[in-house]
Amino acid sequence: MATFETYVPGEQVWDERHHATLRFVAEEHNRVIGWIAISPVSTHTVYSGVGEVSVYISNKSKGKSIASKLQHHKIQIKIL
């Protein structure tokens, strides 16, 4: 696991940091088991359209290809 965060941000901070329509959640039995989201890397115009992908998968769901499925879904949605 790798992260640049040293604390868990609040919901509002997290929401402000990630693209509003490029975030997806994986659920199993009505529980969130993973998510993927895009955040801009910079506010500088030269970096417009460049993003960073963040992925979280719960420990119990690792090894089930959840991250790959979320990534594939994100790519398909962006193409459409």
N, C-alpha and C. Protein backbone atom coordinates (compact mmCIF):
# COMPACT_ATOMS: atom_id res chain seq x y z
N MET A 1 0.84 -1.16 0.00
CA MET A 1 0.00 0.00 0.00
C MET A 1 0.90 1.23 0.00
N ALA A 2 0.47 2.24 -0.74
CA ALA A 2 1.19 3.51 -0.78
C ALA A 2 0.20 4.65 -0.62
N THR A 3 0.61 5.69 0.09
CA THR A 3 -0.25 6.85 0.26
C THR A 3 0.59 8.09 0.53
N PHE A 4 0.06 9.22 0.13
CA PHE A 4 0.70 10.49 0.46
C PHE A 4 0.01 11.12 1.66
N GLU A 5 -1.09 10.55 2.09
CA GLU A 5 -1.86 11.10 3.20
C GLU A 5 -1.26 10.65 4.53
N THR A 6 -1.24 11.56 5.48
CA THR A 6 -0.78 11.20 6.82
C THR A 6 -1.96 11.19 7.80
N TYR A 7 -3.15 11.54 7.29
CA TYR A 7 -4.37 11.49 8.10
C TYR A 7 -5.55 11.24 7.17
N VAL A 8 -6.65 10.82 7.72
CA VAL A 8 -7.86 10.59 6.92
C VAL A 8 -8.59 11.92 6.80
N PRO A 9 -8.75 12.43 5.56
CA PRO A 9 -9.44 13.71 5.41
C PRO A 9 -10.93 13.56 5.68
N GLY A 10 -11.55 14.66 6.09
CA GLY A 10 -12.99 14.66 6.29
C GLY A 10 -13.72 14.51 4.96
N GLU A 11 -14.99 14.20 5.02
CA GLU A 11 -15.79 13.96 3.81
C GLU A 11 -15.78 15.17 2.87
N GLN A 12 -15.93 16.37 3.40
CA GLN A 12 -15.96 17.56 2.56
C GLN A 12 -14.62 17.78 1.86
N VAL A 13 -13.53 17.61 2.58
CA VAL A 13 -12.20 17.77 1.99
C VAL A 13 -11.99 16.73 0.90
N TRP A 14 -12.32 15.48 1.18
CA TRP A 14 -12.16 14.42 0.17
C TRP A 14 -12.99 14.75 -1.06
N ASP A 15 -14.23 15.17 -0.85
CA ASP A 15 -15.14 15.50 -1.94
C ASP A 15 -14.58 16.62 -2.81
N GLU A 16 -14.01 17.63 -2.20
CA GLU A 16 -13.45 18.76 -2.93
C GLU A 16 -12.20 18.38 -3.73
N ARG A 17 -11.49 17.38 -3.29
CA ARG A 17 -10.23 16.98 -3.94
C ARG A 17 -10.42 16.05 -5.14
N HIS A 18 -11.60 15.44 -5.28
CA HIS A 18 -11.81 14.45 -6.33
C HIS A 18 -12.86 14.91 -7.34
N HIS A 19 -12.66 14.52 -8.57
CA HIS A 19 -13.56 14.87 -9.67
C HIS A 19 -14.97 14.39 -9.34
N ALA A 20 -15.94 15.26 -9.54
CA ALA A 20 -17.32 14.96 -9.12
C ALA A 20 -17.96 13.78 -9.85
N THR A 21 -17.59 13.54 -11.11
CA THR A 21 -18.24 12.45 -11.86
C THR A 21 -17.33 11.27 -12.16
N LEU A 22 -16.08 11.34 -11.74
CA LEU A 22 -15.15 10.22 -11.99
C LEU A 22 -14.75 9.56 -10.68
N ARG A 23 -15.77 9.05 -9.99
CA ARG A 23 -15.58 8.30 -8.75
C ARG A 23 -16.60 7.17 -8.74
N PHE A 24 -16.14 5.99 -8.43
CA PHE A 24 -17.02 4.82 -8.48
C PHE A 24 -16.79 3.94 -7.26
N VAL A 25 -17.85 3.28 -6.83
CA VAL A 25 -17.81 2.46 -5.63
C VAL A 25 -18.19 1.03 -5.99
N ALA A 26 -17.49 0.08 -5.39
CA ALA A 26 -17.85 -1.34 -5.50
C ALA A 26 -18.52 -1.76 -4.20
N GLU A 27 -19.65 -2.43 -4.31
CA GLU A 27 -20.38 -2.88 -3.14
C GLU A 27 -20.61 -4.38 -3.20
N GLU A 28 -20.69 -4.97 -2.03
CA GLU A 28 -21.02 -6.38 -1.90
C GLU A 28 -21.90 -6.51 -0.66
N HIS A 29 -23.08 -7.05 -0.84
CA HIS A 29 -24.04 -7.18 0.27
C HIS A 29 -24.31 -5.83 0.94
N ASN A 30 -24.50 -4.81 0.10
CA ASN A 30 -24.79 -3.44 0.56
C ASN A 30 -23.68 -2.81 1.41
N ARG A 31 -22.46 -3.29 1.24
CA ARG A 31 -21.31 -2.70 1.95
C ARG A 31 -20.27 -2.27 0.93
N VAL A 32 -19.67 -1.12 1.15
CA VAL A 32 -18.61 -0.65 0.27
C VAL A 32 -17.37 -1.51 0.49
N ILE A 33 -16.87 -2.10 -0.61
CA ILE A 33 -15.67 -2.93 -0.53
C ILE A 33 -14.50 -2.30 -1.28
N GLY A 34 -14.79 -1.22 -2.00
CA GLY A 34 -13.72 -0.54 -2.71
C GLY A 34 -14.23 0.68 -3.44
N TRP A 35 -13.30 1.55 -3.82
CA TRP A 35 -13.65 2.71 -4.62
C TRP A 35 -12.47 3.13 -5.47
N ILE A 36 -12.77 3.90 -6.52
CA ILE A 36 -11.75 4.49 -7.38
C ILE A 36 -12.20 5.91 -7.68
N ALA A 37 -11.25 6.84 -7.72
CA ALA A 37 -11.59 8.24 -7.98
C ALA A 37 -10.40 8.94 -8.65
N ILE A 38 -10.72 9.98 -9.39
CA ILE A 38 -9.71 10.80 -10.05
C ILE A 38 -9.63 12.16 -9.36
N SER A 39 -8.43 12.64 -9.15
CA SER A 39 -8.24 13.99 -8.63
C SER A 39 -7.26 14.73 -9.54
N PRO A 40 -7.47 16.03 -9.72
CA PRO A 40 -6.53 16.79 -10.56
C PRO A 40 -5.16 16.85 -9.89
N VAL A 41 -4.10 16.84 -10.71
CA VAL A 41 -2.75 16.90 -10.14
C VAL A 41 -2.32 18.33 -9.85
N SER A 42 -2.98 19.30 -10.49
CA SER A 42 -2.59 20.69 -10.31
C SER A 42 -3.71 21.61 -10.79
N THR A 43 -3.71 22.83 -10.30
CA THR A 43 -4.66 23.82 -10.80
C THR A 43 -4.06 24.65 -11.93
N HIS A 44 -2.80 24.43 -12.25
CA HIS A 44 -2.15 25.14 -13.35
C HIS A 44 -2.76 24.71 -14.69
N THR A 45 -3.03 25.66 -15.56
CA THR A 45 -3.67 25.39 -16.85
C THR A 45 -2.91 24.34 -17.66
N VAL A 46 -1.60 24.36 -17.61
CA VAL A 46 -0.80 23.42 -18.39
C VAL A 46 -1.11 21.96 -18.02
N TYR A 47 -1.61 21.73 -16.79
CA TYR A 47 -1.95 20.38 -16.34
C TYR A 47 -3.44 20.06 -16.47
N SER A 48 -4.19 20.89 -17.16
CA SER A 48 -5.62 20.65 -17.34
C SER A 48 -5.84 19.29 -18.01
N GLY A 49 -6.69 18.49 -17.44
CA GLY A 49 -6.96 17.15 -17.97
C GLY A 49 -6.05 16.06 -17.45
N VAL A 50 -5.07 16.42 -16.63
CA VAL A 50 -4.17 15.42 -16.06
C VAL A 50 -4.66 15.10 -14.65
N GLY A 51 -4.81 13.82 -14.38
CA GLY A 51 -5.34 13.42 -13.08
C GLY A 51 -4.56 12.31 -12.43
N GLU A 52 -4.81 12.15 -11.15
CA GLU A 52 -4.21 11.08 -10.36
C GLU A 52 -5.32 10.10 -9.98
N VAL A 53 -5.05 8.83 -10.13
CA VAL A 53 -6.04 7.80 -9.80
C VAL A 53 -5.80 7.32 -8.37
N SER A 54 -6.85 7.31 -7.58
CA SER A 54 -6.80 6.76 -6.22
C SER A 54 -7.71 5.54 -6.16
N VAL A 55 -7.22 4.48 -5.54
CA VAL A 55 -7.99 3.24 -5.43
C VAL A 55 -7.91 2.75 -3.99
N TYR A 56 -9.05 2.31 -3.47
CA TYR A 56 -9.08 1.68 -2.15
C TYR A 56 -9.85 0.37 -2.26
N ILE A 57 -9.29 -0.68 -1.72
CA ILE A 57 -9.96 -1.98 -1.66
C ILE A 57 -9.86 -2.47 -0.22
N SER A 58 -10.99 -2.89 0.35
CA SER A 58 -10.98 -3.38 1.73
C SER A 58 -10.10 -4.63 1.83
N ASN A 59 -9.52 -4.83 3.00
CA ASN A 59 -8.65 -5.99 3.20
C ASN A 59 -9.36 -7.30 2.89
N LYS A 60 -10.63 -7.41 3.26
CA LYS A 60 -11.38 -8.65 3.03
C LYS A 60 -11.66 -8.90 1.56
N SER A 61 -11.55 -7.86 0.72
CA SER A 61 -11.88 -8.00 -0.70
C SER A 61 -10.66 -8.06 -1.60
N LYS A 62 -9.48 -8.01 -1.04
CA LYS A 62 -8.28 -8.08 -1.86
C LYS A 62 -8.17 -9.46 -2.50
N GLY A 63 -7.63 -9.46 -3.72
CA GLY A 63 -7.46 -10.71 -4.45
C GLY A 63 -8.69 -11.12 -5.25
N LYS A 64 -9.70 -10.26 -5.33
CA LYS A 64 -10.93 -10.57 -6.06
C LYS A 64 -11.05 -9.75 -7.35
N SER A 65 -9.98 -9.11 -7.77
CA SER A 65 -9.94 -8.28 -8.99
C SER A 65 -10.88 -7.09 -8.93
N ILE A 66 -11.20 -6.62 -7.73
CA ILE A 66 -12.09 -5.48 -7.58
C ILE A 66 -11.46 -4.23 -8.19
N ALA A 67 -10.18 -4.00 -7.93
CA ALA A 67 -9.51 -2.81 -8.47
C ALA A 67 -9.51 -2.83 -10.00
N SER A 68 -9.26 -3.98 -10.58
CA SER A 68 -9.27 -4.10 -12.05
C SER A 68 -10.66 -3.82 -12.60
N LYS A 69 -11.68 -4.32 -11.94
CA LYS A 69 -13.05 -4.08 -12.40
C LYS A 69 -13.42 -2.61 -12.28
N LEU A 70 -13.03 -1.96 -11.20
CA LEU A 70 -13.30 -0.53 -11.05
C LEU A 70 -12.55 0.27 -12.11
N GLN A 71 -11.29 -0.06 -12.36
CA GLN A 71 -10.51 0.63 -13.38
C GLN A 71 -11.14 0.46 -14.76
N HIS A 72 -11.56 -0.75 -15.08
CA HIS A 72 -12.21 -1.01 -16.36
C HIS A 72 -13.50 -0.19 -16.49
N HIS A 73 -14.28 -0.15 -15.44
CA HIS A 73 -15.53 0.62 -15.44
C HIS A 73 -15.23 2.10 -15.65
N LYS A 74 -14.22 2.63 -14.98
CA LYS A 74 -13.85 4.03 -15.12
C LYS A 74 -13.45 4.34 -16.55
N ILE A 75 -12.70 3.48 -17.16
CA ILE A 75 -12.26 3.68 -18.54
C ILE A 75 -13.47 3.65 -19.48
N GLN A 76 -14.36 2.69 -19.31
CA GLN A 76 -15.54 2.59 -20.17
C GLN A 76 -16.42 3.82 -20.05
N ILE A 77 -16.64 4.31 -18.85
CA ILE A 77 -17.47 5.50 -18.64
C ILE A 77 -16.83 6.71 -19.29
N LYS A 78 -15.52 6.87 -19.14
CA LYS A 78 -14.82 8.03 -19.71
C LYS A 78 -14.89 8.01 -21.23
N ILE A 79 -14.81 6.83 -21.85
CA ILE A 79 -14.88 6.72 -23.30
C ILE A 79 -16.25 7.12 -23.81
N LEU A 80 -17.30 6.74 -23.08
CA LEU A 80 -18.65 7.07 -23.49
C LEU A 80 -18.87 8.54 -23.33
